[in-house]
């Protein structure tokens, strides 16, 4: 009944290695967005961490505009990261070669 536990353990180890590789790959990717015709430029890595921010000096006199542009840039960058994470996760699942931990074939 439990004869395949070794196979299950190896599969789980492989999944963990793939997840760690995916996390590392995501951290190395950078996504950049511009808003307000380039007044704000924001770069985030694949984990959603901000790695660079450029704010044009002309926006510093208009707090409301600056807030709107920053919110737009952050939201756009977050969408890019989420889409990339989803496609990367789907690619990882596809690379598992159809392994099914429940034994159905």
N, C-alpha and C. Protein backbone atom coordinates (compact mmCIF):
# COMPACT_ATOMS: atom_id res chain seq x y z
N UNK A 1 0.81 -1.20 0.00
CA UNK A 1 0.00 0.00 0.00
C UNK A 1 0.86 1.27 0.00
N UNK A 2 1.96 1.24 0.77
CA UNK A 2 2.82 2.41 0.86
C UNK A 2 4.13 2.20 0.12
N UNK A 3 4.16 1.31 -0.84
CA UNK A 3 5.37 0.98 -1.57
C UNK A 3 5.89 2.11 -2.44
N UNK A 4 5.07 3.04 -2.80
CA UNK A 4 5.49 4.14 -3.67
C UNK A 4 5.87 5.40 -2.91
N UNK A 5 6.07 5.30 -1.59
CA UNK A 5 6.40 6.49 -0.81
C UNK A 5 7.74 7.06 -1.22
N UNK A 6 8.69 6.22 -1.62
CA UNK A 6 9.98 6.71 -2.09
C UNK A 6 9.82 7.54 -3.35
N UNK A 7 8.96 7.07 -4.25
CA UNK A 7 8.69 7.84 -5.48
C UNK A 7 8.04 9.17 -5.14
N UNK A 8 7.12 9.14 -4.19
CA UNK A 8 6.43 10.37 -3.77
C UNK A 8 7.42 11.34 -3.16
N UNK A 9 8.33 10.84 -2.35
CA UNK A 9 9.33 11.69 -1.71
C UNK A 9 10.23 12.34 -2.76
N UNK A 10 10.66 11.56 -3.75
CA UNK A 10 11.50 12.11 -4.82
C UNK A 10 10.74 13.16 -5.61
N UNK A 11 9.47 12.90 -5.87
CA UNK A 11 8.66 13.86 -6.63
C UNK A 11 8.51 15.17 -5.84
N UNK A 12 8.27 15.05 -4.53
CA UNK A 12 8.13 16.25 -3.72
C UNK A 12 9.44 17.04 -3.66
N UNK A 13 10.56 16.34 -3.58
CA UNK A 13 11.85 17.01 -3.60
C UNK A 13 12.05 17.75 -4.92
N UNK A 14 11.67 17.11 -6.01
CA UNK A 14 11.77 17.74 -7.33
C UNK A 14 10.89 18.98 -7.43
N UNK A 15 9.70 18.89 -6.87
CA UNK A 15 8.79 20.04 -6.89
C UNK A 15 9.37 21.19 -6.08
N UNK A 16 9.97 20.87 -4.93
CA UNK A 16 10.57 21.91 -4.09
C UNK A 16 11.74 22.57 -4.81
N UNK A 17 12.56 21.77 -5.48
CA UNK A 17 13.68 22.32 -6.24
C UNK A 17 13.17 23.23 -7.36
N UNK A 18 12.11 22.80 -8.05
CA UNK A 18 11.54 23.61 -9.11
C UNK A 18 10.99 24.93 -8.56
N UNK A 19 10.35 24.88 -7.41
CA UNK A 19 9.79 26.09 -6.80
C UNK A 19 10.90 27.06 -6.42
N UNK A 20 12.00 26.54 -5.88
CA UNK A 20 13.13 27.39 -5.51
C UNK A 20 13.78 28.00 -6.74
N UNK A 21 13.89 27.22 -7.80
CA UNK A 21 14.45 27.73 -9.05
C UNK A 21 13.54 28.81 -9.63
N UNK A 22 12.24 28.58 -9.58
CA UNK A 22 11.28 29.56 -10.08
C UNK A 22 11.41 30.87 -9.31
N UNK A 23 11.52 30.80 -7.99
CA UNK A 23 11.65 31.99 -7.17
C UNK A 23 12.93 32.75 -7.52
N UNK A 24 14.00 32.02 -7.72
CA UNK A 24 15.27 32.64 -8.11
C UNK A 24 15.17 33.29 -9.48
N UNK A 25 14.54 32.58 -10.42
CA UNK A 25 14.36 33.12 -11.78
C UNK A 25 13.51 34.39 -11.74
N UNK A 26 12.46 34.39 -10.94
CA UNK A 26 11.59 35.56 -10.85
C UNK A 26 12.35 36.76 -10.29
N UNK A 27 13.18 36.52 -9.28
CA UNK A 27 13.93 37.62 -8.66
C UNK A 27 14.90 38.26 -9.64
N UNK A 28 15.36 37.49 -10.63
CA UNK A 28 16.34 38.03 -11.58
C UNK A 28 15.69 38.80 -12.73
N UNK A 29 14.39 38.69 -12.90
CA UNK A 29 13.69 39.42 -13.96
C UNK A 29 13.35 40.83 -13.48
N UNK A 30 13.38 41.78 -14.41
CA UNK A 30 13.02 43.15 -14.08
C UNK A 30 11.95 43.63 -15.05
N UNK A 31 10.91 44.24 -14.51
CA UNK A 31 9.81 44.78 -15.30
C UNK A 31 9.77 46.28 -15.07
N UNK A 32 9.73 47.04 -16.16
CA UNK A 32 9.73 48.49 -16.05
C UNK A 32 8.46 49.06 -16.68
N UNK A 33 7.92 50.09 -16.03
CA UNK A 33 6.75 50.78 -16.55
C UNK A 33 7.01 52.28 -16.49
N UNK A 34 6.35 53.00 -17.40
CA UNK A 34 6.41 54.45 -17.43
C UNK A 34 4.98 54.96 -17.41
N UNK A 35 4.74 56.03 -16.66
CA UNK A 35 3.43 56.67 -16.65
C UNK A 35 3.63 58.16 -16.85
N UNK A 36 2.55 58.81 -17.23
CA UNK A 36 2.60 60.25 -17.42
C UNK A 36 3.56 60.67 -18.51
N UNK A 37 3.65 59.87 -19.56
CA UNK A 37 4.56 60.21 -20.66
C UNK A 37 6.02 60.14 -20.25
N UNK A 38 6.32 59.30 -19.28
CA UNK A 38 7.71 59.14 -18.83
C UNK A 38 8.06 59.96 -17.61
N UNK A 39 7.06 60.63 -17.01
CA UNK A 39 7.34 61.42 -15.81
C UNK A 39 7.70 60.53 -14.63
N UNK A 40 7.15 59.33 -14.62
CA UNK A 40 7.45 58.34 -13.58
C UNK A 40 7.92 57.07 -14.28
N UNK A 41 9.06 56.55 -13.85
CA UNK A 41 9.55 55.26 -14.34
C UNK A 41 9.80 54.38 -13.13
N UNK A 42 9.19 53.21 -13.14
CA UNK A 42 9.27 52.29 -12.01
C UNK A 42 9.73 50.93 -12.51
N UNK A 43 10.69 50.35 -11.82
CA UNK A 43 11.16 49.00 -12.16
C UNK A 43 11.01 48.11 -10.94
N UNK A 44 10.46 46.92 -11.16
CA UNK A 44 10.29 45.94 -10.09
C UNK A 44 10.86 44.61 -10.57
N UNK A 45 11.28 43.78 -9.62
CA UNK A 45 11.74 42.45 -10.01
C UNK A 45 10.54 41.50 -10.04
N UNK A 46 10.79 40.28 -10.44
CA UNK A 46 9.72 39.30 -10.59
C UNK A 46 9.03 38.90 -9.29
N UNK A 47 9.61 39.30 -8.16
CA UNK A 47 8.96 39.04 -6.88
C UNK A 47 8.13 40.24 -6.42
N UNK A 48 8.07 41.29 -7.26
CA UNK A 48 7.28 42.46 -6.93
C UNK A 48 8.00 43.49 -6.08
N UNK A 49 9.31 43.34 -5.92
CA UNK A 49 10.08 44.29 -5.13
C UNK A 49 10.57 45.42 -6.02
N UNK A 50 10.39 46.67 -5.56
CA UNK A 50 10.84 47.83 -6.33
C UNK A 50 12.36 47.85 -6.33
N UNK A 51 12.93 47.94 -7.54
CA UNK A 51 14.38 47.99 -7.66
C UNK A 51 14.88 49.32 -8.19
N UNK A 52 13.98 50.14 -8.76
CA UNK A 52 14.38 51.46 -9.25
C UNK A 52 13.13 52.33 -9.41
N UNK A 53 13.30 53.61 -9.14
CA UNK A 53 12.21 54.57 -9.28
C UNK A 53 12.80 55.90 -9.72
N UNK A 54 12.26 56.44 -10.82
CA UNK A 54 12.68 57.74 -11.31
C UNK A 54 11.45 58.64 -11.33
N UNK A 55 11.56 59.80 -10.69
CA UNK A 55 10.47 60.76 -10.64
C UNK A 55 10.97 62.07 -11.27
N UNK A 56 10.30 62.50 -12.32
CA UNK A 56 10.66 63.75 -12.98
C UNK A 56 10.40 64.91 -12.02
N UNK A 57 11.31 65.86 -11.98
CA UNK A 57 11.21 66.98 -11.05
C UNK A 57 9.94 67.81 -11.26
N UNK A 58 9.41 67.84 -12.46
CA UNK A 58 8.22 68.66 -12.72
C UNK A 58 7.00 68.17 -11.96
N UNK A 59 7.01 66.91 -11.52
CA UNK A 59 5.86 66.38 -10.78
C UNK A 59 5.90 66.75 -9.30
N UNK A 60 7.04 67.25 -8.83
CA UNK A 60 7.18 67.51 -7.41
C UNK A 60 6.36 68.70 -6.91
N UNK A 61 5.86 69.52 -7.82
CA UNK A 61 5.05 70.66 -7.40
C UNK A 61 3.56 70.36 -7.40
N UNK A 62 3.19 69.17 -7.88
CA UNK A 62 1.78 68.79 -7.94
C UNK A 62 1.59 67.45 -7.25
N UNK A 63 1.32 67.52 -5.95
CA UNK A 63 1.22 66.31 -5.13
C UNK A 63 0.15 65.35 -5.65
N UNK A 64 -1.01 65.86 -6.02
CA UNK A 64 -2.10 65.00 -6.50
C UNK A 64 -1.70 64.25 -7.77
N UNK A 65 -1.08 64.97 -8.71
CA UNK A 65 -0.65 64.33 -9.95
C UNK A 65 0.40 63.26 -9.66
N UNK A 66 1.34 63.58 -8.79
CA UNK A 66 2.39 62.63 -8.43
C UNK A 66 1.80 61.36 -7.82
N UNK A 67 0.83 61.52 -6.94
CA UNK A 67 0.20 60.36 -6.32
C UNK A 67 -0.51 59.50 -7.36
N UNK A 68 -1.24 60.14 -8.27
CA UNK A 68 -1.96 59.40 -9.31
C UNK A 68 -0.99 58.64 -10.21
N UNK A 69 0.10 59.32 -10.60
CA UNK A 69 1.08 58.67 -11.47
C UNK A 69 1.77 57.50 -10.77
N UNK A 70 2.10 57.67 -9.49
CA UNK A 70 2.74 56.58 -8.74
C UNK A 70 1.80 55.39 -8.58
N UNK A 71 0.55 55.66 -8.26
CA UNK A 71 -0.43 54.57 -8.12
C UNK A 71 -0.57 53.82 -9.43
N UNK A 72 -0.67 54.56 -10.54
CA UNK A 72 -0.78 53.92 -11.85
C UNK A 72 0.44 53.06 -12.17
N UNK A 73 1.63 53.58 -11.89
CA UNK A 73 2.85 52.84 -12.18
C UNK A 73 2.94 51.57 -11.32
N UNK A 74 2.62 51.70 -10.06
CA UNK A 74 2.67 50.54 -9.15
C UNK A 74 1.67 49.48 -9.58
N UNK A 75 0.45 49.89 -9.91
CA UNK A 75 -0.57 48.93 -10.34
C UNK A 75 -0.17 48.24 -11.64
N UNK A 76 0.35 49.00 -12.60
CA UNK A 76 0.78 48.40 -13.87
C UNK A 76 1.92 47.41 -13.65
N UNK A 77 2.88 47.78 -12.82
CA UNK A 77 4.01 46.88 -12.54
C UNK A 77 3.54 45.62 -11.84
N UNK A 78 2.62 45.76 -10.88
CA UNK A 78 2.10 44.59 -10.17
C UNK A 78 1.38 43.64 -11.12
N UNK A 79 0.63 44.18 -12.08
CA UNK A 79 -0.05 43.33 -13.06
C UNK A 79 0.96 42.56 -13.90
N UNK A 80 2.04 43.23 -14.31
CA UNK A 80 3.07 42.55 -15.10
C UNK A 80 3.70 41.41 -14.31
N UNK A 81 4.00 41.66 -13.05
CA UNK A 81 4.61 40.65 -12.19
C UNK A 81 3.66 39.47 -12.00
N UNK A 82 2.38 39.74 -11.72
CA UNK A 82 1.41 38.66 -11.53
C UNK A 82 1.26 37.81 -12.78
N UNK A 83 1.18 38.45 -13.93
CA UNK A 83 1.05 37.70 -15.17
C UNK A 83 2.28 36.83 -15.40
N UNK A 84 3.46 37.37 -15.12
CA UNK A 84 4.68 36.59 -15.29
C UNK A 84 4.74 35.43 -14.31
N UNK A 85 4.35 35.67 -13.06
CA UNK A 85 4.36 34.59 -12.07
C UNK A 85 3.41 33.47 -12.47
N UNK A 86 2.23 33.85 -12.97
CA UNK A 86 1.26 32.84 -13.39
C UNK A 86 1.80 32.02 -14.57
N UNK A 87 2.35 32.70 -15.55
CA UNK A 87 2.84 31.96 -16.72
C UNK A 87 4.06 31.12 -16.34
N UNK A 88 4.90 31.60 -15.43
CA UNK A 88 6.05 30.82 -14.98
C UNK A 88 5.61 29.59 -14.21
N UNK A 89 4.59 29.75 -13.35
CA UNK A 89 4.08 28.62 -12.57
C UNK A 89 3.45 27.58 -13.50
N UNK A 90 2.71 28.04 -14.50
CA UNK A 90 2.10 27.10 -15.45
C UNK A 90 3.19 26.37 -16.24
N UNK A 91 4.25 27.09 -16.58
CA UNK A 91 5.37 26.45 -17.28
C UNK A 91 6.03 25.40 -16.40
N UNK A 92 6.15 25.70 -15.10
CA UNK A 92 6.76 24.73 -14.18
C UNK A 92 5.89 23.48 -14.10
N UNK A 93 4.57 23.66 -14.03
CA UNK A 93 3.68 22.50 -13.97
C UNK A 93 3.77 21.68 -15.25
N UNK A 94 3.88 22.37 -16.37
CA UNK A 94 4.01 21.66 -17.65
C UNK A 94 5.30 20.88 -17.74
N UNK A 95 6.35 21.39 -17.07
CA UNK A 95 7.64 20.72 -17.11
C UNK A 95 7.72 19.51 -16.17
N UNK A 96 6.68 19.30 -15.39
CA UNK A 96 6.69 18.15 -14.48
C UNK A 96 6.40 16.86 -15.24
N UNK A 97 6.12 16.96 -16.51
CA UNK A 97 5.93 15.76 -17.33
C UNK A 97 4.69 14.99 -17.01
N UNK A 98 3.67 15.66 -16.52
CA UNK A 98 2.41 14.98 -16.25
C UNK A 98 2.43 14.12 -15.01
N UNK A 99 3.38 14.37 -14.10
CA UNK A 99 3.42 13.59 -12.86
C UNK A 99 2.15 13.83 -12.08
N UNK A 100 1.58 12.77 -11.60
CA UNK A 100 0.38 12.87 -10.78
C UNK A 100 0.64 12.20 -9.46
N UNK A 101 0.65 12.96 -8.37
CA UNK A 101 0.98 12.38 -7.07
C UNK A 101 -0.06 11.40 -6.57
N UNK A 102 -1.21 11.31 -7.22
CA UNK A 102 -2.27 10.43 -6.74
C UNK A 102 -2.32 9.12 -7.47
N UNK A 103 -1.38 8.91 -8.36
CA UNK A 103 -1.24 7.62 -9.00
C UNK A 103 -2.15 7.34 -10.19
N UNK A 104 -3.09 8.21 -10.49
CA UNK A 104 -3.97 8.00 -11.64
C UNK A 104 -3.21 8.28 -12.91
N UNK A 105 -3.38 7.43 -13.89
CA UNK A 105 -2.65 7.61 -15.15
C UNK A 105 -3.60 7.72 -16.30
